[in-house]
Amino acid sequence: MLLHIDSSADATADSVSRRLTADFVHVWRERHGTAEYRHRDLAAAPVPPLTAACTTLGRRVEHQGFVPPSKVPALIEGPAEQREWDLTLPLITELRSAHTVLLGVPMYNFSVPASLKAWIDRVTFPGAFADPDTGESLLGGTRVVAVMARGGGYGPGTPRESFDFQTPYLKAWFGNLGVAPGRLHLIAAELTRVDVLPQLAGLEHLARQSLAAAREQVRTLAAA
């Protein structure tokens, strides 16, 4: 199953991250035909931020060790916690079921959008992705393709390389979740705002090269 998640607040054709994830899906569908596909648009249908009831339930589950999602209902106390679990379980189930996770991630203020962070906070539930017998991650074989779009230049050797909190964050979070390093693919299209930011004037050729390289990587991974 391909789980496709877009997080850009821009739902128009101007969104580079959405265009690139759409490229991936187009190629993937040509290869996989009727294989299961799910799309979650975090801008159109935002994931609610965590509440005190969710964190309370999470701590109670954590005290029990590696509790699989199927056993969480027995630990729920009250309607508020039940509401939080009802919001959380479908997201966990989608992620556990996915063979490939495709993320569209624009850079907002040097990091990921709040819409994606809300999804991350909710799916990162104690024990949700751990084998209850061994504690090993259930996502070790899951392939993750994160397509990042940045208005400026943040690549290695650029003046703003240290401002990139997007790449290390995604690496750290997926790594902590147990996704194998070789299964995590981070693709960045840079200088996407070259047409509107005067300080980027003269870098149009680099923007075109970056977008073309990102599109090639996306299509190659989709066809794999």
Protein backbone atom coordinates (compact mmCIF):
# COMPACT_ATOMS: atom_id res chain seq x y z
CA MET A 1 0.00 0.00 0.00
CA LEU A 2 1.16 3.50 -0.85
CA LEU A 3 0.33 6.09 1.80
CA HIS A 4 0.57 9.54 0.23
CA ILE A 5 0.60 12.52 2.59
CA ASP A 6 0.65 16.15 1.48
CA SER A 7 1.26 18.89 4.03
CA SER A 8 1.55 22.06 1.94
CA ALA A 9 -1.00 24.73 2.81
CA ASP A 10 -0.97 25.66 -0.87
CA ALA A 11 -3.36 23.35 -2.70
CA THR A 12 -2.76 24.98 -6.09
CA ALA A 13 -0.40 24.07 -8.92
CA ASP A 14 2.09 26.53 -7.40
CA SER A 15 2.95 23.98 -4.71
CA VAL A 16 6.22 22.33 -5.72
CA SER A 17 5.93 19.58 -3.11
CA ARG A 18 2.43 18.66 -4.34
CA ARG A 19 3.56 18.62 -7.97
CA LEU A 20 6.42 16.29 -7.11
CA THR A 21 4.32 13.91 -5.03
CA ALA A 22 1.78 13.86 -7.88
CA ASP A 23 4.63 12.86 -10.24
CA PHE A 24 5.52 10.00 -7.91
CA VAL A 25 1.92 8.79 -7.72
CA HIS A 26 1.48 8.95 -11.50
CA VAL A 27 4.54 6.75 -12.12
CA TRP A 28 3.74 4.43 -9.20
CA ARG A 29 0.20 3.83 -10.47
CA GLU A 30 1.48 3.04 -13.96
CA ARG A 31 3.67 0.33 -12.44
CA HIS A 32 1.41 -0.99 -9.68
CA GLY A 33 -2.01 -0.62 -11.27
CA THR A 34 -4.75 -1.43 -8.80
CA ALA A 35 -2.52 -1.75 -5.72
CA GLU A 36 -3.97 -0.05 -2.66
CA TYR A 37 -3.39 3.70 -2.46
CA ARG A 38 -4.40 6.20 0.19
CA HIS A 39 -4.04 9.97 0.09
CA ARG A 40 -4.17 12.14 3.18
CA ASP A 41 -4.18 15.90 2.66
CA LEU A 42 -3.21 17.48 5.97
CA ALA A 43 -4.20 20.95 4.78
CA ALA A 44 -7.70 19.96 3.64
CA ALA A 45 -8.29 17.65 6.62
CA PRO A 46 -5.98 18.75 9.45
CA VAL A 47 -5.04 16.32 12.20
CA PRO A 48 -6.14 17.81 15.53
CA PRO A 49 -3.29 18.69 17.89
CA LEU A 50 -2.82 16.60 21.00
CA THR A 51 -4.82 17.31 24.13
CA ALA A 52 -4.16 16.52 27.79
CA ALA A 53 -6.38 13.43 27.48
CA CYS A 54 -4.13 12.03 24.74
CA THR A 55 -0.90 12.60 26.65
CA THR A 56 -2.45 11.11 29.81
CA LEU A 57 -3.48 8.00 27.89
CA GLY A 58 -0.05 7.81 26.30
CA ARG A 59 1.69 7.87 29.68
CA ARG A 60 -0.60 5.15 31.01
CA VAL A 61 0.16 2.97 27.99
CA GLU A 62 3.88 3.69 28.35
CA HIS A 63 3.85 2.40 31.93
CA GLN A 64 2.63 -0.97 30.59
CA GLY A 65 5.66 -1.43 28.31
CA PHE A 66 5.19 -2.41 24.67
CA VAL A 67 1.41 -2.40 24.38
CA PRO A 68 0.09 -3.01 20.85
CA PRO A 69 -2.76 -0.81 19.61
CA SER A 70 -5.22 -3.69 20.01
CA LYS A 71 -4.76 -3.56 23.80
CA VAL A 72 -4.98 0.19 24.23
CA PRO A 73 -8.82 0.29 24.53
CA ALA A 74 -8.61 -1.68 27.77
CA LEU A 75 -6.52 1.15 29.26
CA ILE A 76 -8.80 4.02 28.22
CA GLU A 77 -10.47 5.97 31.02
CA GLY A 78 -13.33 8.26 30.08
CA PRO A 79 -14.85 9.71 26.91
CA ALA A 80 -12.12 12.33 26.38
CA GLU A 81 -9.44 9.65 26.12
CA GLN A 82 -11.70 7.58 23.87
CA ARG A 83 -12.12 10.54 21.51
CA GLU A 84 -8.37 10.99 21.34
CA TRP A 85 -7.80 7.31 20.61
CA ASP A 86 -10.48 7.37 17.91
CA LEU A 87 -8.55 10.20 16.22
CA THR A 88 -5.20 8.47 16.63
CA LEU A 89 -5.80 4.81 15.74
CA PRO A 90 -6.72 5.33 12.03
CA LEU A 91 -3.46 7.23 11.47
CA ILE A 92 -1.41 4.53 13.16
CA THR A 93 -3.20 1.82 11.19
CA GLU A 94 -2.50 3.59 7.88
CA LEU A 95 1.18 3.95 8.66
CA ARG A 96 1.55 0.36 9.87
CA SER A 97 -0.16 -0.89 6.69
CA ALA A 98 1.94 1.09 4.24
CA HIS A 99 4.74 -0.48 2.23
CA THR A 100 5.72 2.96 0.94
CA VAL A 101 5.09 6.31 2.62
CA LEU A 102 5.23 9.36 0.35
CA LEU A 103 5.47 12.74 2.08
CA GLY A 104 5.21 16.17 0.51
CA VAL A 105 7.06 18.51 2.86
CA PRO A 106 7.51 22.21 2.11
CA MET A 107 9.93 24.09 4.35
CA TYR A 108 8.13 26.53 6.61
CA ASN A 109 10.35 28.69 8.80
CA PHE A 110 13.30 26.32 8.36
CA SER A 111 11.37 23.19 9.43
CA VAL A 112 8.27 21.13 8.60
CA PRO A 113 4.70 22.52 8.42
CA ALA A 114 2.59 22.51 11.58
CA SER A 115 0.09 20.28 9.79
CA LEU A 116 2.72 17.56 9.39
CA LYS A 117 4.00 18.04 12.93
CA ALA A 118 0.45 17.45 14.24
CA TRP A 119 0.29 14.18 12.30
CA ILE A 120 3.72 13.16 13.61
CA ASP A 121 2.77 13.97 17.20
CA ARG A 122 -0.37 11.86 16.96
CA VAL A 123 1.08 8.77 15.27
CA THR A 124 4.08 8.72 17.63
CA PHE A 125 2.08 6.83 20.23
CA PRO A 126 3.88 4.56 22.73
CA GLY A 127 4.25 1.02 21.43
CA ALA A 128 2.36 1.66 18.19
CA PHE A 129 5.20 0.51 15.95
CA ALA A 130 7.04 -1.94 18.20
CA ASP A 131 6.76 -5.71 18.17
CA PRO A 132 5.20 -6.54 21.58
CA ASP A 133 7.43 -9.63 21.93
CA THR A 134 10.81 -8.32 20.79
CA GLY A 135 10.46 -4.54 20.95
CA GLU A 136 11.81 -4.30 17.42
CA SER A 137 10.30 -1.76 15.04
CA LEU A 138 7.53 -2.87 12.70
CA LEU A 139 8.64 -0.23 10.21
CA GLY A 140 12.12 -1.58 9.49
CA GLY A 141 11.09 -2.59 5.98
CA THR A 142 8.87 0.40 5.24
CA ARG A 143 10.11 2.63 2.43
CA VAL A 144 9.77 6.38 3.04
CA VAL A 145 10.10 9.01 0.32
CA ALA A 146 10.02 12.57 1.65
CA VAL A 147 9.88 15.24 -1.04
CA MET A 148 11.02 18.55 0.38
CA ALA A 149 10.59 21.97 -1.23
CA ARG A 150 12.59 24.96 -0.06
CA GLY A 151 12.17 28.54 -1.22
CA GLY A 152 15.87 29.26 -0.77
CA GLY A 153 19.09 27.28 -0.85
CA TYR A 154 19.97 25.13 2.16
CA GLY A 155 22.16 22.42 0.64
CA PRO A 156 25.69 21.47 1.75
CA GLY A 157 28.10 24.37 1.42
CA THR A 158 25.43 27.07 1.13
CA PRO A 159 25.40 30.04 3.54
CA ARG A 160 22.14 28.79 5.06
CA GLU A 161 23.03 25.12 5.40
CA SER A 162 22.80 25.41 9.21
CA PHE A 163 19.25 26.79 8.90
CA ASP A 164 17.94 23.49 7.57
CA PHE A 165 16.01 21.89 10.44
CA GLN A 166 13.82 20.01 7.99
CA THR A 167 16.25 17.31 6.82
CA PRO A 168 17.78 16.40 10.21
CA TYR A 169 14.35 16.39 11.84
CA LEU A 170 12.88 13.94 9.36
CA LYS A 171 16.00 11.76 9.55
CA ALA A 172 15.88 11.71 13.34
CA TRP A 173 12.14 11.04 13.59
CA PHE A 174 11.97 8.25 11.04
CA GLY A 175 15.19 6.76 12.38
CA ASN A 176 13.82 6.77 15.91
CA LEU A 177 10.65 5.13 14.60
CA GLY A 178 12.80 2.31 13.23
CA VAL A 179 12.80 3.01 9.48
CA ALA A 180 16.07 1.59 8.14
CA PRO A 181 18.51 4.25 6.86
CA GLY A 182 18.58 2.65 3.42
CA ARG A 183 14.79 2.81 3.22
CA LEU A 184 14.56 6.56 3.89
CA HIS A 185 14.86 8.80 0.83
CA LEU A 186 14.97 12.58 1.31
CA ILE A 187 14.67 14.59 -1.91
CA ALA A 188 14.96 18.38 -1.93
CA ALA A 189 13.95 20.88 -4.59
CA GLU A 190 15.70 24.14 -3.73
CA LEU A 191 15.31 27.79 -4.71
CA THR A 192 11.62 27.28 -5.51
CA ARG A 193 10.89 30.98 -4.77
CA VAL A 194 13.53 32.27 -7.16
CA ASP A 195 10.84 33.97 -9.21
CA VAL A 196 9.59 36.16 -6.34
CA LEU A 197 12.54 36.74 -3.99
CA PRO A 198 14.84 39.47 -5.31
CA GLN A 199 17.80 38.20 -3.27
CA LEU A 200 17.73 35.02 -5.36
CA ALA A 201 18.02 36.83 -8.70
CA GLY A 202 20.55 35.20 -10.98
CA LEU A 203 20.04 31.72 -9.52
CA GLU A 204 17.28 30.69 -11.90
CA HIS A 205 19.47 28.09 -13.61
CA LEU A 206 20.27 26.46 -10.27
CA ALA A 207 16.57 26.38 -9.39
CA ARG A 208 15.77 24.65 -12.69
CA GLN A 209 18.56 22.13 -12.15
CA SER A 210 17.42 21.38 -8.60
CA LEU A 211 13.80 20.87 -9.64
CA ALA A 212 14.78 18.67 -12.57
CA ALA A 213 17.03 16.54 -10.35
CA ALA A 214 14.29 16.19 -7.73
CA ARG A 215 11.75 15.16 -10.37
CA GLU A 216 14.15 12.56 -11.78
CA GLN A 217 14.78 11.09 -8.31
CA VAL A 218 11.06 11.01 -7.56
CA ARG A 219 10.19 9.21 -10.77
CA THR A 220 13.06 6.74 -10.37
CA LEU A 221 11.95 5.84 -6.84
CA ALA A 222 8.32 5.55 -7.94
CA ALA A 223 9.27 3.09 -10.65
CA ALA A 224 11.40 0.94 -8.33
